[in-house]
N, C-alpha and C. Protein backbone atom coordinates (compact mmCIF):
# COMPACT_ATOMS: atom_id res chain seq x y z
N MET A 1 55.00 28.97 -23.24
CA MET A 1 53.92 29.47 -22.50
C MET A 1 52.70 28.45 -22.80
N ASN A 2 52.56 27.79 -22.26
CA ASN A 2 50.47 26.93 -22.55
C ASN A 2 49.75 28.21 -22.49
N PRO A 3 48.58 28.13 -23.34
CA PRO A 3 47.90 29.23 -23.71
C PRO A 3 46.85 28.75 -22.56
N ILE A 4 46.36 29.84 -21.84
CA ILE A 4 44.69 29.84 -20.93
C ILE A 4 43.49 28.94 -21.57
N PHE A 5 43.41 29.48 -22.40
CA PHE A 5 42.33 28.79 -23.42
C PHE A 5 42.27 28.53 -24.74
N PRO A 6 41.22 27.14 -25.14
CA PRO A 6 41.99 26.50 -25.85
C PRO A 6 41.68 27.11 -27.25
N ASP A 7 41.91 26.84 -28.84
CA ASP A 7 41.28 27.10 -30.26
C ASP A 7 40.29 27.94 -29.82
N ALA A 8 39.09 26.94 -29.41
CA ALA A 8 38.15 27.00 -30.13
C ALA A 8 37.83 28.67 -29.46
N ILE A 9 38.24 28.70 -28.20
CA ILE A 9 37.34 29.86 -27.65
C ILE A 9 38.89 31.14 -28.52
N ARG A 10 40.27 30.78 -28.19
CA ARG A 10 41.06 31.59 -28.91
C ARG A 10 40.65 31.76 -30.43
N ASN A 11 39.66 31.27 -31.29
CA ASN A 11 39.32 31.63 -32.53
C ASN A 11 38.29 32.28 -32.50
N LEU A 12 37.74 32.80 -31.45
CA LEU A 12 36.37 33.15 -31.12
C LEU A 12 36.45 34.87 -31.30
N PRO A 13 35.39 35.65 -32.19
CA PRO A 13 36.16 37.05 -32.26
C PRO A 13 36.73 37.49 -31.01
N GLN A 14 37.59 38.56 -30.89
CA GLN A 14 38.01 39.71 -29.81
C GLN A 14 37.21 40.64 -29.34
N ALA A 15 36.93 40.93 -28.13
CA ALA A 15 35.62 41.76 -27.86
C ALA A 15 36.39 42.73 -27.85
N ASP A 16 36.02 44.02 -27.94
CA ASP A 16 37.69 45.30 -27.39
C ASP A 16 36.95 45.78 -26.02
N VAL A 17 37.46 45.34 -25.14
CA VAL A 17 37.31 45.83 -24.11
C VAL A 17 38.52 47.17 -23.79
N PRO A 18 38.17 48.03 -23.03
CA PRO A 18 38.97 48.99 -22.86
C PRO A 18 40.06 48.90 -22.11
N LEU A 19 41.03 47.80 -21.42
CA LEU A 19 41.63 47.84 -20.71
C LEU A 19 43.03 47.42 -21.09
N THR A 20 44.45 48.05 -21.50
CA THR A 20 45.50 47.79 -21.83
C THR A 20 46.21 46.62 -20.95
N GLY A 21 46.57 45.86 -21.68
CA GLY A 21 47.28 44.85 -21.12
C GLY A 21 46.19 43.23 -20.89
N SER A 22 45.72 43.19 -21.85
CA SER A 22 44.11 42.66 -21.86
C SER A 22 43.98 41.96 -23.30
N ILE A 23 43.22 41.06 -23.22
CA ILE A 23 42.55 39.88 -24.36
C ILE A 23 41.46 39.29 -23.79
N SER A 24 40.31 39.59 -24.25
CA SER A 24 39.45 38.69 -24.00
C SER A 24 38.83 38.41 -25.32
N TYR A 25 37.65 37.35 -25.92
CA TYR A 25 37.42 36.57 -26.43
C TYR A 25 35.81 36.40 -26.60
N LEU A 26 35.16 36.58 -27.14
CA LEU A 26 33.39 37.35 -27.13
C LEU A 26 32.20 35.95 -28.28
N SER A 27 32.00 35.40 -26.79
CA SER A 27 30.50 34.82 -27.01
C SER A 27 29.65 35.63 -27.02
N GLN A 28 28.76 35.79 -28.52
CA GLN A 28 27.80 36.61 -28.48
C GLN A 28 26.55 36.15 -27.88
N SER A 29 25.54 36.11 -27.85
CA SER A 29 23.98 35.91 -27.70
C SER A 29 22.74 37.07 -27.53
N ASP A 30 21.58 37.34 -28.19
CA ASP A 30 20.44 37.68 -28.44
C ASP A 30 21.00 38.28 -27.22
N THR A 31 20.91 37.59 -26.36
CA THR A 31 20.29 38.31 -24.70
C THR A 31 21.62 38.57 -24.20
N HIS A 32 22.67 37.93 -23.85
CA HIS A 32 24.04 38.28 -22.94
C HIS A 32 25.28 38.23 -23.85
N GLN A 33 26.73 38.44 -23.07
CA GLN A 33 27.38 38.28 -23.89
C GLN A 33 28.53 37.31 -22.90
N ILE A 34 29.16 36.25 -23.14
CA ILE A 34 30.37 35.75 -22.40
C ILE A 34 31.45 35.90 -22.46
N LEU A 35 32.11 36.45 -22.08
CA LEU A 35 33.58 36.76 -22.56
C LEU A 35 34.98 36.34 -21.85
N PHE A 36 35.68 35.71 -22.51
CA PHE A 36 36.67 34.35 -22.08
C PHE A 36 38.25 35.64 -21.91
N MET A 37 38.65 36.04 -20.55
CA MET A 37 39.78 37.01 -20.56
C MET A 37 41.07 36.85 -19.41
N GLU A 38 41.59 37.70 -20.46
CA GLU A 38 43.17 36.88 -19.57
C GLU A 38 43.50 38.41 -19.83
N PHE A 39 44.61 38.59 -18.83
CA PHE A 39 44.88 39.71 -18.32
C PHE A 39 46.90 39.27 -18.13
N HIS A 40 47.45 40.29 -18.93
CA HIS A 40 48.41 40.06 -19.21
C HIS A 40 49.97 41.31 -18.09
N SER A 41 48.95 41.60 -17.25
CA SER A 41 49.56 43.39 -16.66
C SER A 41 48.27 43.68 -16.03
N ASP A 42 48.82 44.52 -14.48
CA ASP A 42 48.25 44.68 -13.55
C ASP A 42 47.01 45.75 -13.53
N ILE A 43 46.12 45.72 -13.39
CA ILE A 43 44.78 46.76 -14.09
C ILE A 43 44.25 46.86 -12.91
N GLU A 44 44.07 49.03 -13.08
CA GLU A 44 43.24 48.83 -12.04
C GLU A 44 42.11 49.90 -12.46
N VAL A 45 40.74 48.93 -12.19
CA VAL A 45 39.56 49.14 -12.93
C VAL A 45 38.53 50.09 -12.30
N PRO A 46 38.15 51.11 -11.96
CA PRO A 46 37.40 52.01 -11.48
C PRO A 46 36.53 52.21 -10.82
N GLU A 47 35.45 52.23 -10.14
CA GLU A 47 34.29 51.72 -9.84
C GLU A 47 33.31 52.23 -10.93
N HIS A 48 32.59 51.58 -10.79
CA HIS A 48 31.14 51.80 -12.00
C HIS A 48 30.06 50.45 -12.08
N SER A 49 29.21 50.80 -12.93
CA SER A 49 28.37 49.82 -12.75
C SER A 49 27.20 49.38 -14.17
N HIS A 50 27.20 48.34 -14.12
CA HIS A 50 26.45 47.53 -15.15
C HIS A 50 25.10 46.62 -14.68
N ALA A 51 24.80 45.68 -15.91
CA ALA A 51 24.07 45.08 -15.83
C ALA A 51 24.69 43.71 -14.90
N ALA A 52 24.00 43.08 -14.55
CA ALA A 52 24.65 41.73 -14.03
C ALA A 52 25.67 41.15 -14.57
N GLN A 53 26.67 40.08 -13.82
CA GLN A 53 28.17 40.16 -13.73
C GLN A 53 27.42 38.60 -13.15
N PHE A 54 28.66 37.68 -13.79
CA PHE A 54 28.80 36.39 -12.97
C PHE A 54 30.61 35.80 -13.67
N ALA A 55 31.17 35.42 -12.68
CA ALA A 55 32.54 35.15 -13.42
C ALA A 55 32.71 34.03 -12.32
N ILE A 56 33.89 33.21 -13.48
CA ILE A 56 34.86 31.97 -12.61
C ILE A 56 35.92 32.79 -12.91
N VAL A 57 36.77 32.69 -11.43
CA VAL A 57 38.36 32.89 -11.89
C VAL A 57 38.40 31.18 -12.55
N VAL A 58 39.92 31.10 -13.66
CA VAL A 58 40.45 30.00 -14.29
C VAL A 58 42.19 30.05 -13.82
N GLU A 59 42.36 31.13 -13.72
CA GLU A 59 43.41 31.50 -12.89
C GLU A 59 44.26 32.54 -11.95
N GLY A 60 44.79 33.04 -11.40
CA GLY A 60 45.58 34.33 -11.25
C GLY A 60 44.44 35.06 -9.59
N ILE A 61 44.48 35.95 -9.39
CA ILE A 61 43.92 36.45 -8.12
C ILE A 61 43.40 37.85 -8.90
N ILE A 62 41.71 38.11 -8.72
CA ILE A 62 41.47 39.54 -8.41
C ILE A 62 41.14 40.31 -7.07
N ASP A 63 41.54 41.10 -7.09
CA ASP A 63 40.78 41.93 -5.72
C ASP A 63 39.96 42.72 -6.26
N LEU A 64 38.66 42.47 -5.91
CA LEU A 64 37.22 43.16 -6.50
C LEU A 64 36.09 43.87 -4.73
N THR A 65 36.06 44.84 -5.26
CA THR A 65 35.17 45.51 -3.76
C THR A 65 33.56 45.98 -5.24
N ILE A 66 33.25 44.93 -4.35
CA ILE A 66 31.41 45.66 -4.63
C ILE A 66 30.60 45.83 -3.84
N ASP A 67 29.75 46.98 -3.76
CA ASP A 67 29.97 47.57 -2.29
C ASP A 67 29.98 48.06 -1.54
N GLY A 68 30.98 48.02 -1.42
CA GLY A 68 32.27 48.49 -0.50
C GLY A 68 32.87 47.28 -0.32
N ASP A 69 32.30 45.96 -0.58
CA ASP A 69 33.28 44.98 0.39
C ASP A 69 34.03 44.19 -0.57
N LYS A 70 35.38 44.55 0.19
CA LYS A 70 36.63 44.30 -0.78
C LYS A 70 37.33 42.58 -0.87
N ARG A 71 37.26 41.98 -1.44
CA ARG A 71 37.42 40.22 -1.11
C ARG A 71 38.60 40.20 -2.45
N SER A 72 39.44 39.06 -2.31
CA SER A 72 40.08 38.52 -3.32
C SER A 72 39.65 37.49 -3.65
N TYR A 73 39.77 37.16 -5.30
CA TYR A 73 39.52 35.55 -6.02
C TYR A 73 40.18 35.27 -6.37
N ALA A 74 40.45 33.66 -6.55
CA ALA A 74 41.60 33.18 -7.09
C ALA A 74 40.88 31.66 -7.57
N LYS A 75 41.88 31.15 -8.35
CA LYS A 75 42.00 29.97 -9.39
C LYS A 75 40.40 29.07 -8.70
N GLY A 76 39.20 28.58 -9.39
CA GLY A 76 38.29 28.04 -8.48
C GLY A 76 36.56 29.06 -7.74
N ASP A 77 37.48 30.12 -7.57
CA ASP A 77 36.49 31.45 -6.70
C ASP A 77 35.40 31.37 -8.06
N ARG A 78 34.11 31.99 -7.81
CA ARG A 78 33.64 32.55 -8.78
C ARG A 78 32.97 34.20 -7.57
N TYR A 79 31.86 34.72 -8.61
CA TYR A 79 31.23 36.14 -8.27
C TYR A 79 30.74 36.09 -8.98
N TYR A 80 29.79 37.34 -8.22
CA TYR A 80 28.56 38.28 -8.43
C TYR A 80 28.26 39.02 -8.43
N ILE A 81 27.93 39.96 -9.34
CA ILE A 81 28.02 41.28 -9.48
C ILE A 81 25.95 41.84 -9.68
N PRO A 82 25.12 42.07 -8.61
CA PRO A 82 23.99 42.33 -9.09
C PRO A 82 23.81 43.71 -10.29
N ALA A 83 23.08 43.79 -10.98
CA ALA A 83 22.60 45.06 -11.75
C ALA A 83 22.81 45.85 -10.96
N GLY A 84 23.44 46.55 -11.53
CA GLY A 84 23.43 48.35 -11.05
C GLY A 84 24.31 48.79 -9.47
N VAL A 85 24.98 47.74 -9.54
CA VAL A 85 25.47 48.06 -7.88
C VAL A 85 26.91 48.29 -8.26
N LYS A 86 27.76 49.93 -7.12
CA LYS A 86 28.84 49.91 -7.91
C LYS A 86 29.74 48.97 -7.46
N HIS A 87 31.23 48.59 -8.23
CA HIS A 87 31.92 47.67 -7.81
C HIS A 87 32.88 48.04 -8.21
N GLY A 88 34.67 48.25 -8.38
CA GLY A 88 35.54 48.61 -8.88
C GLY A 88 36.73 47.29 -8.86
N ALA A 89 37.76 47.06 -9.46
CA ALA A 89 38.77 46.32 -9.31
C ALA A 89 40.28 46.57 -8.85
N LYS A 90 41.16 45.19 -8.43
CA LYS A 90 42.55 45.30 -9.27
C LYS A 90 42.89 44.19 -9.67
N ILE A 91 42.97 44.37 -10.87
CA ILE A 91 43.00 42.69 -11.16
C ILE A 91 44.76 42.56 -11.70
N HIS A 92 45.13 41.43 -10.95
CA HIS A 92 46.55 40.97 -11.28
C HIS A 92 47.33 40.27 -12.32
N ALA A 93 48.16 40.98 -12.84
CA ALA A 93 49.12 40.08 -13.85
C ALA A 93 48.98 38.85 -14.08
N GLY A 94 48.18 37.50 -15.16
CA GLY A 94 48.34 36.37 -14.93
C GLY A 94 46.70 35.87 -14.56
N TYR A 95 46.03 36.76 -14.26
CA TYR A 95 44.37 36.75 -13.96
C TYR A 95 43.75 36.36 -15.37
N ALA A 96 42.75 35.49 -15.33
CA ALA A 96 41.84 34.89 -16.32
C ALA A 96 40.83 34.46 -15.38
N ASP A 97 39.49 34.97 -16.47
CA ASP A 97 38.03 34.20 -15.80
C ASP A 97 37.67 34.16 -17.46
N VAL A 98 35.91 33.83 -16.88
CA VAL A 98 34.96 33.63 -17.88
C VAL A 98 33.70 34.42 -17.24
N THR A 99 33.71 35.58 -17.87
CA THR A 99 32.33 35.74 -17.51
C THR A 99 31.23 36.30 -18.09
N TYR A 100 29.71 36.33 -17.15
CA TYR A 100 28.91 36.50 -17.84
C TYR A 100 28.54 37.59 -17.50
N PHE A 101 28.13 38.43 -18.68
CA PHE A 101 27.89 39.94 -18.87
C PHE A 101 25.97 39.51 -18.73
N ASP A 102 25.04 40.20 -18.59
CA ASP A 102 23.44 39.80 -18.59
C ASP A 102 22.95 41.45 -19.53
N GLN A 103 24.16 41.23 -20.91
CA GLN A 103 23.42 42.25 -21.14
C GLN A 103 24.29 42.62 -23.03
N PRO A 104 23.29 42.21 -24.24
CA PRO A 104 23.81 42.10 -25.07
C PRO A 104 24.84 42.67 -26.22
N ASN A 105 24.83 43.66 -25.53
CA ASN A 105 26.01 44.81 -25.96
C ASN A 105 26.83 45.90 -25.06
N ARG A 106 27.39 45.37 -23.73
CA ARG A 106 28.44 44.78 -23.52
C ARG A 106 30.07 45.63 -23.68
N TYR A 107 30.06 44.30 -24.82
CA TYR A 107 31.27 45.41 -25.89
C TYR A 107 31.19 45.28 -26.82
N SER A 108 31.44 45.15 -27.99
CA SER A 108 31.29 44.57 -29.46
C SER A 108 32.94 44.10 -30.09
N VAL A 109 32.58 43.70 -31.05
CA VAL A 109 33.76 43.57 -31.52
C VAL A 109 35.01 43.71 -32.05
N LYS A 110 35.95 43.90 -31.61
CA LYS A 110 36.91 44.59 -31.72
C LYS A 110 37.33 44.40 -33.50
N PRO A 111 37.53 45.84 -33.63
CA PRO A 111 37.67 46.19 -34.89
C PRO A 111 39.06 45.63 -35.62
């Protein structure tokens, strides 16, 4: 199986994201984080909120509920979650995205 992300991304530090069956590569800035995320199993993400988030779907499908509005997103789609807005998701195995978090400390580097 070919990797979703190239070596330049897979050589970034891994982010300590507490979702079993996922791997995330972290690009860190003083003002934000960008994660390159891959999911190898189905995952339910409970409703929560945080700083603004923007993502572009690279592969697969995510069912995302943002402020009570449920939609499915697939390869090539993008979504935006404003700061403080409650959201949750069903992430399907094979899903991958590039996610921007408008906060520099959302995730730490995996030990």
